[in-house]
Amino acid sequence: MLDKKWDKRLLIICAAWQFIDGAITIVLGFLNMTKMNDIDKLVPISSFNGLIGTMFILAGLTNLLIAYYFLPQKEINKWIMPILVTEIIISYFCMDIIAVGTLVPATIIISLKKKRQSLANTQ
């Protein structure tokens, strides 16, 4: 199961969901009619919804970077696991169940691959 690139697929699915979720969050922040009177409030990250939506989009970009750049390398980078665990915790507190549901299995698979690589390097 580890050789079928499930970790990459799960990270891409999570990134796609985070792009959609971030765009929806930003649009819903713009549609708040009480803030439409003030022209300064039309910047996406000036509102709380825009900030959260931008955070989701940046997390999606991070997942794409991990999936397409760091995972195909011979050795898995030591910073991938803390980044993914931080994303899981933030997604959990934001109640983003789909992101948590895709990031947890991807993190487990990546940790197993890293463990297999470290065992292969010691032998």
C-alpha atoms as a PDB file:
ATOM      1  CA  MET A   1       0.000   0.000   0.000  1.00  0.00           C
ATOM      2  CA  LEU A   2       2.873   2.378   0.648  1.00  0.00           C
ATOM      3  CA  ASP A   3       4.225   2.120  -2.891  1.00  0.00           C
ATOM      4  CA  LYS A   4       1.015   3.286  -4.542  1.00  0.00           C
ATOM      5  CA  LYS A   5       1.534   6.997  -3.721  1.00  0.00           C
ATOM      6  CA  TRP A   6      -1.522   7.217  -1.460  1.00  0.00           C
ATOM      7  CA  ASP A   7       0.158   9.911   0.577  1.00  0.00           C
ATOM      8  CA  LYS A   8       0.561  12.102  -2.501  1.00  0.00           C
ATOM      9  CA  ARG A   9      -3.053  11.535  -3.552  1.00  0.00           C
ATOM     10  CA  LEU A  10      -4.373  12.361  -0.091  1.00  0.00           C
ATOM     11  CA  LEU A  11      -2.303  15.547   0.074  1.00  0.00           C
ATOM     12  CA  ILE A  12      -3.564  16.645  -3.352  1.00  0.00           C
ATOM     13  CA  ILE A  13      -7.183  15.952  -2.342  1.00  0.00           C
ATOM     14  CA  CYS A  14      -6.643  17.907   0.868  1.00  0.00           C
ATOM     15  CA  ALA A  15      -5.048  20.798  -1.035  1.00  0.00           C
ATOM     16  CA  ALA A  16      -7.979  20.931  -3.469  1.00  0.00           C
ATOM     17  CA  TRP A  17     -10.422  20.979  -0.565  1.00  0.00           C
ATOM     18  CA  GLN A  18      -8.451  23.714   1.202  1.00  0.00           C
ATOM     19  CA  PHE A  19      -8.484  25.869  -1.956  1.00  0.00           C
ATOM     20  CA  ILE A  20     -12.260  25.457  -2.248  1.00  0.00           C
ATOM     21  CA  ASP A  21     -12.797  26.042   1.471  1.00  0.00           C
ATOM     22  CA  GLY A  22     -10.560  29.119   1.482  1.00  0.00           C
ATOM     23  CA  ALA A  23     -12.323  30.624  -1.535  1.00  0.00           C
ATOM     24  CA  ILE A  24     -15.745  30.008   0.018  1.00  0.00           C
ATOM     25  CA  THR A  25     -14.607  31.556   3.303  1.00  0.00           C
ATOM     26  CA  ILE A  26     -13.259  34.670   1.565  1.00  0.00           C
ATOM     27  CA  VAL A  27     -16.404  35.080  -0.563  1.00  0.00           C
ATOM     28  CA  LEU A  28     -18.656  34.716   2.469  1.00  0.00           C
ATOM     29  CA  GLY A  29     -16.535  37.335   4.227  1.00  0.00           C
ATOM     30  CA  PHE A  30     -17.139  39.717   1.304  1.00  0.00           C
ATOM     31  CA  LEU A  31     -20.867  39.077   1.286  1.00  0.00           C
ATOM     32  CA  ASN A  32     -21.274  40.368   4.805  1.00  0.00           C
ATOM     33  CA  MET A  33     -23.466  43.368   4.015  1.00  0.00           C
ATOM     34  CA  THR A  34     -22.607  45.345   7.135  1.00  0.00           C
ATOM     35  CA  LYS A  35     -19.018  45.714   5.938  1.00  0.00           C
ATOM     36  CA  MET A  36     -19.849  46.640   2.349  1.00  0.00           C
ATOM     37  CA  ASN A  37     -20.313  50.335   3.239  1.00  0.00           C
ATOM     38  CA  ASP A  38     -16.662  50.802   4.157  1.00  0.00           C
ATOM     39  CA  ILE A  39     -14.273  50.623   1.167  1.00  0.00           C
ATOM     40  CA  ASP A  40     -11.282  49.839   3.428  1.00  0.00           C
ATOM     41  CA  LYS A  41     -12.882  46.578   4.482  1.00  0.00           C
ATOM     42  CA  LEU A  42     -12.818  45.161   0.933  1.00  0.00           C
ATOM     43  CA  VAL A  43      -9.278  43.813   1.261  1.00  0.00           C
ATOM     44  CA  PRO A  44      -9.571  40.017   1.748  1.00  0.00           C
ATOM     45  CA  ILE A  45      -7.260  39.762   4.753  1.00  0.00           C
ATOM     46  CA  SER A  46      -8.697  42.794   6.559  1.00  0.00           C
ATOM     47  CA  SER A  47     -11.522  40.697   7.963  1.00  0.00           C
ATOM     48  CA  PHE A  48     -11.360  37.593  10.115  1.00  0.00           C
ATOM     49  CA  ASN A  49     -13.036  35.476   7.411  1.00  0.00           C
ATOM     50  CA  GLY A  50     -10.533  36.683   4.845  1.00  0.00           C
ATOM     51  CA  LEU A  51      -7.645  35.863   7.153  1.00  0.00           C
ATOM     52  CA  ILE A  52      -8.918  32.327   7.780  1.00  0.00           C
ATOM     53  CA  GLY A  53      -9.623  31.823   4.059  1.00  0.00           C
ATOM     54  CA  THR A  54      -6.125  32.986   3.161  1.00  0.00           C
ATOM     55  CA  MET A  55      -4.714  30.618   5.777  1.00  0.00           C
ATOM     56  CA  PHE A  56      -6.605  27.714   4.181  1.00  0.00           C
ATOM     57  CA  ILE A  57      -5.274  28.617   0.738  1.00  0.00           C
ATOM     58  CA  LEU A  58      -1.699  28.846   2.062  1.00  0.00           C
ATOM     59  CA  ALA A  59      -2.119  25.458   3.752  1.00  0.00           C
ATOM     60  CA  GLY A  60      -3.285  24.051   0.397  1.00  0.00           C
ATOM     61  CA  LEU A  61      -0.209  25.490  -1.301  1.00  0.00           C
ATOM     62  CA  THR A  62       1.963  23.935   1.398  1.00  0.00           C
ATOM     63  CA  ASN A  63       0.340  20.548   0.811  1.00  0.00           C
ATOM     64  CA  LEU A  64       0.910  20.816  -2.944  1.00  0.00           C
ATOM     65  CA  LEU A  65       4.548  21.753  -2.328  1.00  0.00           C
ATOM     66  CA  ILE A  66       4.997  18.747  -0.065  1.00  0.00           C
ATOM     67  CA  ALA A  67       3.209  16.402  -2.494  1.00  0.00           C
ATOM     68  CA  TYR A  68       5.006  17.461  -5.664  1.00  0.00           C
ATOM     69  CA  TYR A  69       8.447  18.493  -4.423  1.00  0.00           C
ATOM     70  CA  PHE A  70       9.381  16.890  -1.104  1.00  0.00           C
ATOM     71  CA  LEU A  71       7.761  13.444  -1.351  1.00  0.00           C
ATOM     72  CA  PRO A  72       9.380  12.337  -4.648  1.00  0.00           C
ATOM     73  CA  GLN A  73      12.866  12.926  -3.228  1.00  0.00           C
ATOM     74  CA  LYS A  74      14.931   9.978  -2.039  1.00  0.00           C
ATOM     75  CA  GLU A  75      14.843  10.924   1.624  1.00  0.00           C
ATOM     76  CA  ILE A  76      11.860  12.519   3.341  1.00  0.00           C
ATOM     77  CA  ASN A  77      12.712  15.871   4.886  1.00  0.00           C
ATOM     78  CA  LYS A  78      12.621  16.088   8.685  1.00  0.00           C
ATOM     79  CA  TRP A  79      10.347  19.175   8.626  1.00  0.00           C
ATOM     80  CA  ILE A  80       7.455  17.527   6.775  1.00  0.00           C
ATOM     81  CA  MET A  81       6.051  15.736   9.828  1.00  0.00           C
ATOM     82  CA  PRO A  82       5.922  18.793  12.153  1.00  0.00           C
ATOM     83  CA  ILE A  83       4.329  20.864   9.386  1.00  0.00           C
ATOM     84  CA  LEU A  84       1.635  18.253   8.759  1.00  0.00           C
ATOM     85  CA  VAL A  85       0.936  17.770  12.478  1.00  0.00           C
ATOM     86  CA  THR A  86       0.599  21.553  12.888  1.00  0.00           C
ATOM     87  CA  GLU A  87      -1.821  21.629   9.952  1.00  0.00           C
ATOM     88  CA  ILE A  88      -3.844  18.812  11.519  1.00  0.00           C
ATOM     89  CA  ILE A  89      -4.111  20.664  14.832  1.00  0.00           C
ATOM     90  CA  ILE A  90      -5.110  23.952  13.189  1.00  0.00           C
ATOM     91  CA  SER A  91      -7.637  22.195  10.929  1.00  0.00           C
ATOM     92  CA  TYR A  92      -9.067  20.393  13.945  1.00  0.00           C
ATOM     93  CA  PHE A  93      -9.598  23.645  15.854  1.00  0.00           C
ATOM     94  CA  CYS A  94     -11.128  25.245  12.731  1.00  0.00           C
ATOM     95  CA  MET A  95     -13.481  22.231  12.541  1.00  0.00           C
ATOM     96  CA  ASP A  96     -12.289  21.360   9.037  1.00  0.00           C
ATOM     97  CA  ILE A  97     -13.148  17.664   9.227  1.00  0.00           C
ATOM     98  CA  ILE A  98     -12.333  16.901   5.581  1.00  0.00           C
ATOM     99  CA  ALA A  99      -8.811  18.271   5.928  1.00  0.00           C
ATOM    100  CA  VAL A 100      -8.265  16.341   9.157  1.00  0.00           C
ATOM    101  CA  GLY A 101      -9.665  13.191   7.543  1.00  0.00           C
ATOM    102  CA  THR A 102      -7.207  13.398   4.663  1.00  0.00           C
ATOM    103  CA  LEU A 103      -4.168  14.733   6.533  1.00  0.00           C
ATOM    104  CA  VAL A 104      -4.141  12.124   9.306  1.00  0.00           C
ATOM    105  CA  PRO A 105      -3.815   9.088   6.973  1.00  0.00           C
ATOM    106  CA  ALA A 106      -1.286  10.941   4.802  1.00  0.00           C
ATOM    107  CA  THR A 107       0.787  11.761   7.885  1.00  0.00           C
ATOM    108  CA  ILE A 108       0.673   8.156   9.059  1.00  0.00           C
ATOM    109  CA  ILE A 109       1.756   6.862   5.642  1.00  0.00           C
ATOM    110  CA  ILE A 110       4.580   9.422   5.415  1.00  0.00           C
ATOM    111  CA  SER A 111       5.794   8.535   8.909  1.00  0.00           C
ATOM    112  CA  LEU A 112       5.819   4.841   7.978  1.00  0.00           C
ATOM    113  CA  LYS A 113       7.797   5.612   4.828  1.00  0.00           C
ATOM    114  CA  LYS A 114      10.245   7.691   6.844  1.00  0.00           C
ATOM    115  CA  LYS A 115      10.646   4.867   9.355  1.00  0.00           C
ATOM    116  CA  ARG A 116      11.249   2.393   6.512  1.00  0.00           C
ATOM    117  CA  GLN A 117      13.871   4.708   5.020  1.00  0.00           C
ATOM    118  CA  SER A 118      15.657   5.099   8.343  1.00  0.00           C
ATOM    119  CA  LEU A 119      15.683   1.310   8.842  1.00  0.00           C
ATOM    120  CA  ALA A 120      17.056   0.819   5.325  1.00  0.00           C
ATOM    121  CA  ASN A 121      19.796   3.382   5.956  1.00  0.00           C
ATOM    122  CA  THR A 122      20.956   1.703   9.165  1.00  0.00           C
ATOM    123  CA  GLN A 123      21.299  -1.737   7.552  1.00  0.00           C
END
